[in-house]
Structure formats: C-alpha cells, structure tokens
C-alpha cells in the first residue's frame, strides 16, 4: 500500500471511531481506539514511537513520540481540541521531516463533524 491508500484507511477508521465514541474524550482514548480499529483492518500500527532529534552531530532521544505510525509510512497525530491551530500543523510537518516520512494526518476528535477535523500534511510526497 502506498501512503495515499493507507491514509484513506486511516480516515475511514477515524470516522468509525468518532461515530462510536463522539467528541470530548481524552486523546489517549482515541489513540487506543484508532490503533485497535487500524489493526483490525490488518494495518501494522505502532503507538508512541520515539523519534530522535539530531542536533550538532548528536542524536537525542528527547525528540518526540508520534501518536501512531501506520505501515511505517504515515504519521498520525491525534488531538481532542475545540480548535486546531496552525502550530499543530507545523508540528506535524516537523515530525514528518525528523522521521523522514512523506505523509501525516492530523486528526482532531474534538470536532463536532469529523470531516472538519482531518488535516493532511505532506512532506515531499509524490502523488500517484
């Protein structure tokens, strides 16, 4: 599967989780539910994966932890907020660059309508 096919599955799984749980829960609840939903679709999903940061010729483990990485290709950042800020999208783009991934999805389960809570962030992704 390429990044776009994986993203389609992630979006569909997110819609399913949001339909069942609704908005207003902690991010950790959505993370576990989405991880379960993706794995039930036979997608290899890792949670809380540490991504190191290189600075000054040194690698530091204190980079960040991605909420989910699906099929080792797509980073999923989960939020449960009333409003997504531009900084959240910029953070995900930085995560993509540090992890050398091409596609990320910022999924805000705090949105009343899930379609309004999904942002696609691209880092040098080839369409096709």
N, C-alpha and C. Protein backbone atom coordinates (compact mmCIF):
# COMPACT_ATOMS: atom_id res chain seq x y z
N UNK A 1 0.84 -1.19 0.00
CA UNK A 1 0.00 0.00 0.00
C UNK A 1 0.88 1.25 0.00
N UNK A 2 0.48 2.24 -0.78
CA UNK A 2 1.21 3.50 -0.73
C UNK A 2 0.59 4.42 0.33
N UNK A 3 1.22 5.57 0.54
CA UNK A 3 0.78 6.50 1.58
C UNK A 3 -0.68 6.93 1.40
N UNK A 4 -1.08 7.19 0.17
CA UNK A 4 -2.46 7.65 -0.07
C UNK A 4 -3.48 6.57 0.24
N UNK A 5 -3.17 5.33 -0.09
CA UNK A 5 -4.09 4.22 0.22
C UNK A 5 -4.18 4.01 1.72
N UNK A 6 -3.06 4.12 2.39
CA UNK A 6 -3.05 3.99 3.86
C UNK A 6 -3.87 5.12 4.48
N UNK A 7 -3.68 6.34 3.98
CA UNK A 7 -4.41 7.49 4.51
C UNK A 7 -5.91 7.32 4.36
N UNK A 8 -6.34 6.75 3.25
CA UNK A 8 -7.78 6.50 3.04
C UNK A 8 -8.32 5.58 4.13
N UNK A 9 -7.57 4.54 4.45
CA UNK A 9 -7.99 3.62 5.51
C UNK A 9 -8.00 4.30 6.88
N UNK A 10 -6.99 5.15 7.13
CA UNK A 10 -6.92 5.86 8.41
C UNK A 10 -8.10 6.80 8.57
N UNK A 11 -8.44 7.52 7.52
CA UNK A 11 -9.58 8.44 7.58
C UNK A 11 -10.87 7.67 7.84
N UNK A 12 -11.06 6.57 7.13
CA UNK A 12 -12.27 5.77 7.32
C UNK A 12 -12.33 5.22 8.75
N UNK A 13 -11.20 4.74 9.26
CA UNK A 13 -11.15 4.22 10.62
C UNK A 13 -11.44 5.33 11.64
N UNK A 14 -10.92 6.53 11.38
CA UNK A 14 -11.16 7.67 12.27
C UNK A 14 -12.64 8.04 12.32
N UNK A 15 -13.27 8.01 11.16
CA UNK A 15 -14.71 8.28 11.09
C UNK A 15 -15.49 7.26 11.92
N UNK A 16 -15.09 6.00 11.83
CA UNK A 16 -15.73 4.93 12.59
C UNK A 16 -15.57 5.15 14.10
N UNK A 17 -14.36 5.47 14.52
CA UNK A 17 -14.10 5.71 15.95
C UNK A 17 -14.91 6.91 16.44
N UNK A 18 -14.92 7.99 15.66
CA UNK A 18 -15.65 9.20 16.05
C UNK A 18 -17.15 8.93 16.12
N UNK A 19 -17.66 8.14 15.18
CA UNK A 19 -19.09 7.79 15.17
C UNK A 19 -19.46 7.05 16.45
N UNK A 20 -18.59 6.15 16.88
CA UNK A 20 -18.91 5.33 18.05
C UNK A 20 -18.67 6.06 19.37
N UNK A 21 -17.58 6.85 19.45
CA UNK A 21 -17.23 7.47 20.73
C UNK A 21 -17.68 8.92 20.86
N UNK A 22 -17.81 9.62 19.72
CA UNK A 22 -18.16 11.04 19.77
C UNK A 22 -17.00 11.90 20.25
N UNK A 23 -17.20 13.22 20.25
CA UNK A 23 -16.14 14.13 20.69
C UNK A 23 -16.08 14.25 22.20
N UNK A 24 -14.96 14.82 22.70
CA UNK A 24 -14.89 15.20 24.11
C UNK A 24 -14.10 14.29 25.03
N UNK A 25 -13.52 13.23 24.51
CA UNK A 25 -12.72 12.35 25.36
C UNK A 25 -11.25 12.74 25.28
N UNK A 26 -10.44 12.13 26.12
CA UNK A 26 -9.00 12.38 26.10
C UNK A 26 -8.39 11.80 24.82
N UNK A 27 -7.30 12.43 24.38
CA UNK A 27 -6.59 11.95 23.19
C UNK A 27 -6.17 10.50 23.34
N UNK A 28 -5.77 10.11 24.53
CA UNK A 28 -5.30 8.73 24.75
C UNK A 28 -6.39 7.71 24.45
N UNK A 29 -7.64 8.06 24.71
CA UNK A 29 -8.75 7.14 24.42
C UNK A 29 -8.88 6.95 22.92
N UNK A 30 -8.84 8.04 22.17
CA UNK A 30 -8.95 7.96 20.71
C UNK A 30 -7.75 7.21 20.12
N UNK A 31 -6.58 7.43 20.69
CA UNK A 31 -5.38 6.75 20.20
C UNK A 31 -5.54 5.24 20.30
N UNK A 32 -5.96 4.76 21.45
CA UNK A 32 -6.13 3.32 21.65
C UNK A 32 -7.23 2.77 20.74
N UNK A 33 -8.33 3.49 20.63
CA UNK A 33 -9.44 3.03 19.79
C UNK A 33 -9.04 3.01 18.31
N UNK A 34 -8.35 4.06 17.85
CA UNK A 34 -7.92 4.11 16.46
C UNK A 34 -6.88 3.04 16.17
N UNK A 35 -5.95 2.84 17.09
CA UNK A 35 -4.96 1.78 16.91
C UNK A 35 -5.66 0.43 16.75
N UNK A 36 -6.63 0.16 17.60
CA UNK A 36 -7.38 -1.10 17.52
C UNK A 36 -8.12 -1.21 16.19
N UNK A 37 -8.76 -0.14 15.77
CA UNK A 37 -9.52 -0.16 14.51
C UNK A 37 -8.59 -0.40 13.32
N UNK A 38 -7.43 0.23 13.31
CA UNK A 38 -6.48 0.05 12.21
C UNK A 38 -5.92 -1.38 12.19
N UNK A 39 -5.60 -1.90 13.36
CA UNK A 39 -5.09 -3.26 13.43
C UNK A 39 -6.15 -4.27 13.01
N UNK A 40 -7.42 -3.99 13.30
CA UNK A 40 -8.49 -4.89 12.86
C UNK A 40 -8.63 -4.89 11.34
N UNK A 41 -8.07 -3.87 10.70
CA UNK A 41 -8.05 -3.79 9.23
C UNK A 41 -6.72 -4.31 8.66
N UNK A 42 -5.97 -4.99 9.49
CA UNK A 42 -4.68 -5.59 9.12
C UNK A 42 -3.63 -4.56 8.71
N UNK A 43 -3.69 -3.39 9.34
CA UNK A 43 -2.67 -2.37 9.12
C UNK A 43 -1.71 -2.38 10.31
N UNK A 44 -0.43 -2.51 10.02
CA UNK A 44 0.60 -2.53 11.06
C UNK A 44 0.68 -1.13 11.67
N UNK A 45 0.37 -1.05 12.96
CA UNK A 45 0.27 0.24 13.64
C UNK A 45 1.08 0.23 14.92
N UNK A 46 1.97 1.22 15.05
CA UNK A 46 2.77 1.36 16.26
C UNK A 46 2.36 2.65 16.97
N UNK A 47 2.27 2.58 18.29
CA UNK A 47 1.86 3.74 19.09
C UNK A 47 3.04 4.26 19.91
N UNK A 48 3.05 5.58 20.09
CA UNK A 48 4.04 6.25 20.94
C UNK A 48 5.47 5.87 20.56
N UNK A 49 5.77 5.98 19.28
CA UNK A 49 7.10 5.64 18.77
C UNK A 49 8.04 6.82 18.99
N UNK A 50 9.15 6.61 19.71
CA UNK A 50 10.09 7.72 19.91
C UNK A 50 10.84 8.03 18.62
N UNK A 51 10.94 9.29 18.29
CA UNK A 51 11.67 9.76 17.12
C UNK A 51 12.78 10.67 17.62
N UNK A 52 14.05 10.27 17.40
CA UNK A 52 15.15 11.10 17.90
C UNK A 52 15.34 12.37 17.09
N UNK A 53 15.99 13.33 17.69
CA UNK A 53 16.33 14.59 17.03
C UNK A 53 17.85 14.67 16.94
N UNK A 54 18.35 15.02 15.76
CA UNK A 54 19.79 15.23 15.58
C UNK A 54 20.08 16.72 15.68
N UNK A 55 21.08 17.05 16.48
CA UNK A 55 21.47 18.44 16.62
C UNK A 55 22.96 18.48 16.93
N UNK A 56 23.69 19.26 16.17
CA UNK A 56 25.12 19.41 16.43
C UNK A 56 25.89 18.11 16.33
N UNK A 57 25.44 17.22 15.45
CA UNK A 57 26.13 15.95 15.28
C UNK A 57 25.78 14.89 16.32
N UNK A 58 24.80 15.18 17.15
CA UNK A 58 24.37 14.22 18.18
C UNK A 58 22.90 13.89 18.00
N UNK A 59 22.55 12.65 18.34
CA UNK A 59 21.16 12.24 18.34
C UNK A 59 20.64 12.26 19.77
N UNK A 60 19.46 12.86 19.94
CA UNK A 60 18.83 12.94 21.25
C UNK A 60 17.51 12.20 21.20
N UNK A 61 17.30 11.34 22.19
CA UNK A 61 16.05 10.60 22.27
C UNK A 61 14.89 11.48 22.71
N UNK A 62 15.19 12.68 23.13
CA UNK A 62 14.16 13.57 23.64
C UNK A 62 13.45 14.33 22.52
N UNK A 63 13.38 13.74 21.35
CA UNK A 63 12.71 14.39 20.23
C UNK A 63 11.22 14.48 20.47
N UNK A 64 10.51 13.47 20.07
CA UNK A 64 9.07 13.42 20.30
C UNK A 64 8.62 11.98 20.18
N UNK A 65 7.41 11.74 20.56
CA UNK A 65 6.79 10.44 20.38
C UNK A 65 5.60 10.63 19.44
N UNK A 66 5.63 9.92 18.34
CA UNK A 66 4.50 10.02 17.42
C UNK A 66 3.33 9.25 18.02
N UNK A 67 2.13 9.78 17.87
CA UNK A 67 0.96 9.07 18.41
C UNK A 67 0.83 7.71 17.75
N UNK A 68 0.77 7.70 16.42
CA UNK A 68 0.70 6.44 15.68
C UNK A 68 1.55 6.55 14.41
N UNK A 69 2.18 5.45 14.04
CA UNK A 69 2.80 5.33 12.73
C UNK A 69 2.20 4.09 12.09
N UNK A 70 1.61 4.28 10.91
CA UNK A 70 0.88 3.20 10.24
C UNK A 70 1.68 2.71 9.04
N UNK A 71 1.91 1.40 9.02
CA UNK A 71 2.64 0.74 7.94
C UNK A 71 4.02 1.37 7.70
N UNK A 72 4.59 1.96 8.73
CA UNK A 72 5.90 2.62 8.68
C UNK A 72 5.96 3.72 7.61
N UNK A 73 4.78 4.27 7.26
CA UNK A 73 4.73 5.28 6.20
C UNK A 73 3.98 6.55 6.58
N UNK A 74 2.95 6.44 7.40
CA UNK A 74 2.09 7.60 7.69
C UNK A 74 2.08 7.87 9.19
N UNK A 75 2.38 9.10 9.55
CA UNK A 75 2.30 9.52 10.96
C UNK A 75 0.91 10.08 11.21
N UNK A 76 0.32 9.63 12.30
CA UNK A 76 -1.00 10.14 12.71
C UNK A 76 -0.82 10.87 14.03
N UNK A 77 -1.15 12.14 14.03
CA UNK A 77 -1.12 12.95 15.24
C UNK A 77 -2.57 13.16 15.68
N UNK A 78 -2.87 12.77 16.90
CA UNK A 78 -4.24 12.81 17.41
C UNK A 78 -4.41 13.98 18.36
N UNK A 79 -5.49 14.71 18.16
CA UNK A 79 -5.86 15.81 19.05
C UNK A 79 -7.31 15.63 19.47
N UNK A 80 -7.66 16.28 20.56
CA UNK A 80 -9.05 16.34 21.00
C UNK A 80 -9.28 17.75 21.52
N UNK A 81 -9.33 18.67 20.56
CA UNK A 81 -9.40 20.10 20.88
C UNK A 81 -10.60 20.75 20.21
N UNK A 82 -11.02 21.87 20.76
CA UNK A 82 -12.11 22.62 20.14
C UNK A 82 -11.64 23.23 18.82
N UNK A 83 -10.39 23.70 18.80
CA UNK A 83 -9.85 24.36 17.61
C UNK A 83 -8.41 23.89 17.37
N UNK A 84 -8.11 23.56 16.12
CA UNK A 84 -6.74 23.23 15.72
C UNK A 84 -6.06 24.53 15.30
N UNK A 85 -4.86 24.74 15.79
CA UNK A 85 -4.10 25.94 15.45
C UNK A 85 -3.08 25.62 14.36
N UNK A 86 -2.60 26.65 13.70
CA UNK A 86 -1.58 26.46 12.66
C UNK A 86 -0.35 25.78 13.22
N UNK A 87 -0.02 26.05 14.47
CA UNK A 87 1.17 25.46 15.08
C UNK A 87 1.06 23.93 15.14
N UNK A 88 -0.14 23.40 15.29
CA UNK A 88 -0.30 21.94 15.33
C UNK A 88 0.07 21.33 13.98
N UNK A 89 -0.30 21.99 12.90
CA UNK A 89 0.04 21.50 11.55
C UNK A 89 1.54 21.64 11.31
N UNK A 90 2.13 22.73 11.79
CA UNK A 90 3.57 22.91 11.63
C UNK A 90 4.34 21.87 12.43
N UNK A 91 3.84 21.54 13.61
CA UNK A 91 4.49 20.49 14.42
C UNK A 91 4.50 19.17 13.67
N UNK A 92 3.38 18.82 13.06
CA UNK A 92 3.32 17.55 12.34
C UNK A 92 4.27 17.56 11.15
N UNK A 93 4.39 18.67 10.46
CA UNK A 93 5.34 18.76 9.36
C UNK A 93 6.77 18.57 9.87
N UNK A 94 7.09 19.15 11.01
CA UNK A 94 8.42 18.95 11.62
C UNK A 94 8.61 17.48 11.97
N UNK A 95 7.59 16.84 12.53
CA UNK A 95 7.68 15.42 12.86
C UNK A 95 7.96 14.59 11.60
N UNK A 96 7.27 14.91 10.51
CA UNK A 96 7.48 14.19 9.25
C UNK A 96 8.92 14.33 8.79
N UNK A 97 9.44 15.54 8.87
CA UNK A 97 10.83 15.76 8.45
C UNK A 97 11.82 14.99 9.32
N UNK A 98 11.63 15.04 10.63
CA UNK A 98 12.54 14.35 11.54
C UNK A 98 12.49 12.84 11.37
N UNK A 99 11.30 12.32 11.09
CA UNK A 99 11.13 10.87 10.94
C UNK A 99 11.35 10.40 9.51
N UNK A 100 11.59 11.35 8.61
CA UNK A 100 11.77 11.06 7.18
C UNK A 100 10.56 10.30 6.61
N UNK A 101 9.39 10.82 6.92
CA UNK A 101 8.13 10.28 6.38
C UNK A 101 7.55 11.31 5.43
N UNK A 102 6.69 10.86 4.53
CA UNK A 102 6.14 11.73 3.49
C UNK A 102 4.74 12.27 3.78
N UNK A 103 3.97 11.56 4.60
CA UNK A 103 2.57 11.95 4.81
C UNK A 103 2.18 11.82 6.28
N UNK A 104 1.46 12.82 6.74
CA UNK A 104 0.92 12.80 8.10
C UNK A 104 -0.53 13.22 8.09
N UNK A 105 -1.29 12.69 9.02
CA UNK A 105 -2.67 13.10 9.21
C UNK A 105 -2.83 13.64 10.62
N UNK A 106 -3.34 14.85 10.70
CA UNK A 106 -3.68 15.47 11.97
C UNK A 106 -5.17 15.25 12.15
N UNK A 107 -5.53 14.46 13.15
CA UNK A 107 -6.92 14.09 13.34
C UNK A 107 -7.40 14.65 14.66
N UNK A 108 -8.38 15.54 14.57
CA UNK A 108 -8.93 16.19 15.76
C UNK A 108 -10.29 15.58 16.09
N UNK A 109 -10.29 14.70 17.08
CA UNK A 109 -11.52 14.06 17.50
C UNK A 109 -12.42 15.01 18.31
N UNK A 110 -11.94 16.22 18.58
CA UNK A 110 -12.76 17.21 19.26
C UNK A 110 -13.73 17.92 18.35
N UNK A 111 -13.61 17.71 17.05
CA UNK A 111 -14.52 18.33 16.09
C UNK A 111 -15.90 17.70 16.17
N UNK A 112 -16.93 18.53 16.06
CA UNK A 112 -18.29 18.00 16.05
C UNK A 112 -18.52 17.15 14.81
N UNK A 113 -17.97 17.60 13.67
CA UNK A 113 -18.04 16.85 12.41
C UNK A 113 -16.64 16.36 12.09
N UNK A 114 -16.45 15.06 12.02
CA UNK A 114 -15.10 14.51 11.83
C UNK A 114 -14.45 14.99 10.55
N UNK A 115 -15.23 15.18 9.48
CA UNK A 115 -14.63 15.62 8.21
C UNK A 115 -13.94 16.97 8.36
N UNK A 116 -14.38 17.78 9.34
CA UNK A 116 -13.75 19.07 9.61
C UNK A 116 -12.51 18.93 10.48
N UNK A 117 -12.29 17.75 11.03
CA UNK A 117 -11.20 17.55 11.97
C UNK A 117 -10.00 16.81 11.40
N UNK A 118 -9.96 16.63 10.08
CA UNK A 118 -8.87 15.87 9.47
C UNK A 118 -8.06 16.79 8.56
N UNK A 119 -6.76 16.89 8.85
CA UNK A 119 -5.85 17.68 8.02
C UNK A 119 -4.76 16.77 7.49
N UNK A 120 -4.50 16.90 6.23
CA UNK A 120 -3.46 16.12 5.54
C UNK A 120 -2.23 17.01 5.41
N UNK A 121 -1.09 16.54 5.95
CA UNK A 121 0.16 17.30 5.92
C UNK A 121 1.16 16.50 5.09
N UNK A 122 1.77 17.17 4.11
CA UNK A 122 2.64 16.49 3.15
C UNK A 122 4.07 16.99 3.27
N UNK A 123 5.01 16.05 3.23
CA UNK A 123 6.43 16.33 3.22
C UNK A 123 7.04 15.62 2.02
N UNK A 124 7.13 16.32 0.90
CA UNK A 124 7.74 15.77 -0.31
C UNK A 124 7.07 14.48 -0.79
N UNK A 125 5.76 14.38 -0.69
CA UNK A 125 5.05 13.18 -1.13
C UNK A 125 4.84 13.23 -2.64
N UNK A 126 5.17 12.14 -3.29
CA UNK A 126 4.90 12.01 -4.72
C UNK A 126 3.50 11.49 -4.89
N UNK A 127 2.67 12.23 -5.62
CA UNK A 127 1.29 11.79 -5.85
C UNK A 127 1.28 10.68 -6.88
N UNK A 128 0.34 9.77 -6.73
CA UNK A 128 0.24 8.71 -7.73
C UNK A 128 -0.23 7.41 -7.17
